[in-house]
Amino acid sequence: MNFQPMQKEEIEMASRLLLLGHYRKFGPAGFLPIPVEEILESHLGLTLEFDDLRQRLGMNDVLGATWVNDRRVVVDISLDPTVDPRQEGRYRFTLAHELGHWELHRHDFENGVAQRGAFRQKIPPSIVCRTSTSKDPMEWQADLFASYLLMPTKMLFDVWSSIFDTSDAYDAANEMAELISRWDGQSGSGRPVVSVAREMARAFHVSGQAMQIRLQHVGLIRLTAN
């Protein structure tokens, strides 16, 4: 497979077109959270399942997998939010990540030999998403797509203004420094999450970590001193 580099603007546009296509069918636009399950199943006609992917694929860090020709997305059972509601943010990001692969990469995998057959026959998936491959260029593209899809730029600014009654950015450097000083490094992955990111995350039904990264990217929070 020949990997095709993409600009961030191209990836954001792909996410916007998918969301617009969904709303044209099922509209209207503007409601939160982004209906990622409905986009996957109703709009794109993909099958969504849970399975013990770690056992099935023999990988301890697998989160999701896609069988392109079978039009099937499977999420590891550890992320099932009906079993553990704390996993909702990670589950929704995983679905959006798989949609990123579908929209950006599926044509590279269609009609491959590995796609002939059904999931129950243990045919290998086209795409396997693991925490250890997060820096792979294709995985980075799917992650970026997921961020744009779940937290569209205009909605971010609109919700920010609605919640905090301002369009100004928040200087979170002091809060982050205080959080880091009290952080033991064992409570989950990544850096601690500041209060405004946690509040925004609740509106979009994403993890605080994902929201914090997105807010930093669009310039609504500053986490380090200038």
Protein backbone atom coordinates (compact mmCIF):
# COMPACT_ATOMS: atom_id res chain seq x y z
CA MET A 1 0.00 0.00 0.00
CA ASN A 2 1.27 3.46 -0.90
CA PHE A 3 0.61 5.87 1.97
CA GLN A 4 -0.67 9.26 0.83
CA PRO A 5 0.28 12.26 2.98
CA MET A 6 -2.57 14.70 3.64
CA GLN A 7 -2.69 18.24 4.92
CA LYS A 8 -4.64 18.97 8.10
CA GLU A 9 -7.01 21.13 6.08
CA GLU A 10 -7.83 18.18 3.81
CA ILE A 11 -8.57 15.94 6.78
CA GLU A 12 -10.79 18.57 8.40
CA MET A 13 -12.68 19.06 5.14
CA ALA A 14 -13.24 15.28 4.88
CA SER A 15 -14.74 15.25 8.36
CA ARG A 16 -16.95 18.23 7.56
CA LEU A 17 -18.22 16.62 4.36
CA LEU A 18 -19.10 13.42 6.21
CA LEU A 19 -20.98 15.36 8.88
CA LEU A 20 -22.75 17.51 6.29
CA GLY A 21 -23.78 14.43 4.31
CA HIS A 22 -25.23 12.88 7.44
CA TYR A 23 -27.18 16.01 8.36
CA ARG A 24 -28.55 16.33 4.84
CA LYS A 25 -30.08 12.89 5.30
CA PHE A 26 -31.13 13.10 8.92
CA GLY A 27 -30.65 16.82 9.89
CA PRO A 28 -30.78 19.32 11.26
CA ALA A 29 -27.19 20.22 12.13
CA GLY A 30 -26.03 21.83 15.33
CA PHE A 31 -26.92 19.31 18.01
CA LEU A 32 -24.47 17.74 20.45
CA PRO A 33 -23.02 15.27 20.93
CA ILE A 34 -22.06 14.40 17.35
CA PRO A 35 -24.07 11.20 16.55
CA VAL A 36 -21.06 9.07 15.67
CA GLU A 37 -22.89 5.72 15.97
CA GLU A 38 -25.69 6.96 13.72
CA ILE A 39 -23.19 8.23 11.17
CA LEU A 40 -21.46 4.85 11.13
CA GLU A 41 -24.57 2.68 10.96
CA SER A 42 -27.39 4.71 9.41
CA HIS A 43 -25.51 7.09 7.13
CA LEU A 44 -22.66 4.87 5.94
CA GLY A 45 -24.43 1.53 6.38
CA LEU A 46 -21.58 -0.08 8.30
CA THR A 47 -22.07 -2.82 10.87
CA LEU A 48 -20.92 -2.05 14.41
CA GLU A 49 -20.03 -4.84 16.83
CA PHE A 50 -18.21 -5.46 20.10
CA ASP A 51 -15.85 -8.38 20.50
CA ASP A 52 -12.88 -9.44 22.59
CA LEU A 53 -10.41 -8.24 19.99
CA ARG A 54 -7.46 -8.65 22.31
CA GLN A 55 -8.14 -12.36 22.58
CA ARG A 56 -9.22 -12.80 18.95
CA LEU A 57 -6.30 -10.95 17.39
CA GLY A 58 -3.71 -11.77 20.04
CA MET A 59 -2.89 -8.10 20.72
CA ASN A 60 -3.06 -6.63 24.21
CA ASP A 61 -3.44 -3.02 23.09
CA VAL A 62 -6.01 -3.27 20.29
CA LEU A 63 -8.95 -0.84 20.50
CA GLY A 64 -10.78 -1.33 17.21
CA ALA A 65 -10.60 -3.00 13.82
CA THR A 66 -12.26 -2.58 10.44
CA TRP A 67 -13.04 -5.20 7.82
CA VAL A 68 -13.39 -2.98 4.76
CA ASN A 69 -15.04 -5.32 2.24
CA ASP A 70 -17.36 -6.67 4.94
CA ARG A 71 -18.25 -3.07 5.90
CA ARG A 72 -17.74 -4.06 9.53
CA VAL A 73 -16.30 -2.11 12.44
CA VAL A 74 -15.52 -3.96 15.65
CA VAL A 75 -14.64 -2.30 18.96
CA ASP A 76 -12.96 -4.12 21.81
CA ILE A 77 -15.36 -5.04 24.61
CA SER A 78 -13.23 -3.15 27.13
CA LEU A 79 -14.60 0.10 25.65
CA ASP A 80 -18.30 -0.83 25.81
CA PRO A 81 -19.90 2.21 27.52
CA THR A 82 -22.99 0.25 28.52
CA VAL A 83 -20.74 -1.88 30.72
CA ASP A 84 -18.44 0.92 31.89
CA PRO A 85 -19.85 4.44 31.32
CA ARG A 86 -16.42 5.89 32.08
CA GLN A 87 -15.30 4.57 28.68
CA GLU A 88 -17.80 6.66 26.69
CA GLY A 89 -15.26 9.25 25.56
CA ARG A 90 -12.69 6.70 24.49
CA TYR A 91 -15.37 4.58 22.82
CA ARG A 92 -16.71 7.49 20.80
CA PHE A 93 -13.20 8.54 19.79
CA THR A 94 -12.45 4.97 18.69
CA LEU A 95 -15.57 4.95 16.49
CA ALA A 96 -14.63 8.31 14.99
CA HIS A 97 -11.10 7.03 14.45
CA GLU A 98 -12.42 4.02 12.53
CA LEU A 99 -14.59 6.38 10.48
CA GLY A 100 -11.43 8.29 9.71
CA HIS A 101 -9.89 5.14 8.30
CA TRP A 102 -13.07 4.46 6.34
CA GLU A 103 -13.21 7.92 4.80
CA LEU A 104 -9.49 8.41 4.23
CA HIS A 105 -8.00 4.97 3.69
CA ARG A 106 -10.57 2.35 2.75
CA HIS A 107 -9.81 2.49 -0.98
CA ASP A 108 -6.29 1.31 -0.24
CA PHE A 109 -7.69 -1.87 1.29
CA GLU A 110 -10.75 -2.69 -0.83
CA ASN A 111 -10.71 -6.00 -2.67
CA GLY A 112 -7.59 -7.17 -0.87
CA VAL A 113 -7.08 -10.89 -0.39
CA ALA A 114 -7.35 -10.52 3.35
CA GLN A 115 -10.90 -9.19 2.92
CA ARG A 116 -12.44 -12.25 1.33
CA GLY A 117 -14.60 -13.97 3.85
CA ALA A 118 -16.58 -13.25 6.97
CA PHE A 119 -15.43 -12.12 10.38
CA ARG A 120 -16.59 -15.34 11.95
CA GLN A 121 -14.18 -17.21 9.72
CA LYS A 122 -11.28 -15.37 11.39
CA ILE A 123 -10.27 -13.45 8.27
CA PRO A 124 -7.75 -10.77 9.34
CA PRO A 125 -9.07 -7.20 9.46
CA SER A 126 -7.97 -4.58 6.95
CA ILE A 127 -7.10 -2.10 9.68
CA VAL A 128 -6.19 -2.74 13.30
CA CYS A 129 -5.99 0.24 15.66
CA ARG A 130 -3.67 -0.14 18.63
CA THR A 131 -2.35 2.25 21.24
CA SER A 132 1.21 1.31 20.28
CA THR A 133 0.73 2.50 16.68
CA SER A 134 -0.54 5.98 17.57
CA LYS A 135 2.44 7.66 15.89
CA ASP A 136 2.03 5.78 12.61
CA PRO A 137 1.16 8.36 9.88
CA MET A 138 -2.07 6.60 8.93
CA GLU A 139 -3.11 6.38 12.58
CA TRP A 140 -2.25 10.04 13.07
CA GLN A 141 -4.54 10.94 10.17
CA ALA A 142 -7.40 8.89 11.63
CA ASP A 143 -6.89 10.48 15.06
CA LEU A 144 -6.98 13.95 13.55
CA PHE A 145 -10.12 13.09 11.59
CA ALA A 146 -11.75 11.85 14.80
CA SER A 147 -10.93 15.10 16.59
CA TYR A 148 -12.39 17.20 13.78
CA LEU A 149 -15.50 15.02 13.53
CA LEU A 150 -16.34 14.88 17.24
CA MET A 151 -15.31 18.48 18.00
CA PRO A 152 -16.01 20.60 14.90
CA THR A 153 -14.25 23.94 15.00
CA LYS A 154 -17.32 26.19 14.74
CA MET A 155 -19.19 24.19 17.37
CA LEU A 156 -16.19 24.43 19.69
CA PHE A 157 -16.18 28.22 19.53
CA ASP A 158 -19.97 28.44 19.83
CA VAL A 159 -20.11 26.18 22.90
CA TRP A 160 -17.10 27.89 24.45
CA SER A 161 -18.84 31.28 24.15
CA SER A 162 -22.08 29.84 25.49
CA ILE A 163 -20.53 28.19 28.56
CA PHE A 164 -17.97 30.83 29.49
CA ASP A 165 -19.70 33.93 28.09
CA THR A 166 -16.56 34.98 26.22
CA SER A 167 -14.70 34.22 23.03
CA ASP A 168 -11.34 34.90 24.68
CA ALA A 169 -8.81 32.14 25.20
CA TYR A 170 -8.08 30.86 28.70
CA ASP A 171 -4.53 31.01 30.02
CA ALA A 172 -4.34 27.63 31.77
CA ALA A 173 -0.58 27.67 32.42
CA ASN A 174 -0.86 28.25 36.18
CA GLU A 175 -3.66 25.70 36.58
CA MET A 176 -1.72 23.12 34.58
CA ALA A 177 1.45 23.73 36.59
CA GLU A 178 -0.51 23.22 39.81
CA LEU A 179 -2.10 20.02 38.49
CA ILE A 180 1.26 18.64 37.37
CA SER A 181 2.79 19.40 40.77
CA ARG A 182 0.14 17.20 42.40
CA TRP A 183 0.03 14.54 39.67
CA ASP A 184 1.52 11.15 40.50
CA GLY A 185 1.81 10.11 36.86
CA GLN A 186 -0.26 7.00 37.47
CA SER A 187 -3.80 8.28 37.01
CA GLY A 188 -4.54 7.44 33.39
CA SER A 189 -2.46 8.42 30.39
CA GLY A 190 -1.24 11.80 29.25
CA ARG A 191 -1.15 15.05 31.13
CA PRO A 192 -3.71 16.21 33.72
CA VAL A 193 -6.79 17.97 32.35
CA VAL A 194 -7.69 21.56 33.23
CA SER A 195 -11.17 22.49 34.40
CA VAL A 196 -12.38 24.23 31.22
CA ALA A 197 -11.43 21.21 29.12
CA ARG A 198 -13.34 18.90 31.45
CA GLU A 199 -16.41 21.10 31.21
CA MET A 200 -16.26 21.30 27.42
CA ALA A 201 -15.70 17.55 27.23
CA ARG A 202 -19.01 16.92 28.98
CA ALA A 203 -20.85 18.92 26.31
CA PHE A 204 -19.26 16.96 23.45
CA HIS A 205 -19.19 13.55 25.20
CA VAL A 206 -15.47 13.11 24.65
CA SER A 207 -12.62 12.52 27.07
CA GLY A 208 -11.09 15.47 28.87
CA GLN A 209 -7.72 14.62 27.35
CA ALA A 210 -9.09 14.70 23.79
CA MET A 211 -10.85 18.00 24.43
CA GLN A 212 -7.79 19.58 25.98
CA ILE A 213 -5.67 18.71 22.95
CA ARG A 214 -8.34 20.07 20.60
CA LEU A 215 -8.79 23.32 22.54
CA GLN A 216 -5.06 23.85 22.53
CA HIS A 217 -4.91 23.28 18.77
CA VAL A 218 -7.60 25.90 18.05
CA GLY A 219 -6.03 28.38 20.45
CA LEU A 220 -8.76 28.47 23.09
CA ILE A 221 -6.45 27.42 25.90
CA ARG A 222 -2.75 27.97 26.61
CA LEU A 223 -1.11 25.31 28.74
CA THR A 224 2.39 26.74 29.04
CA ALA A 225 3.71 30.14 29.99
CA ASN A 226 4.83 32.36 27.12
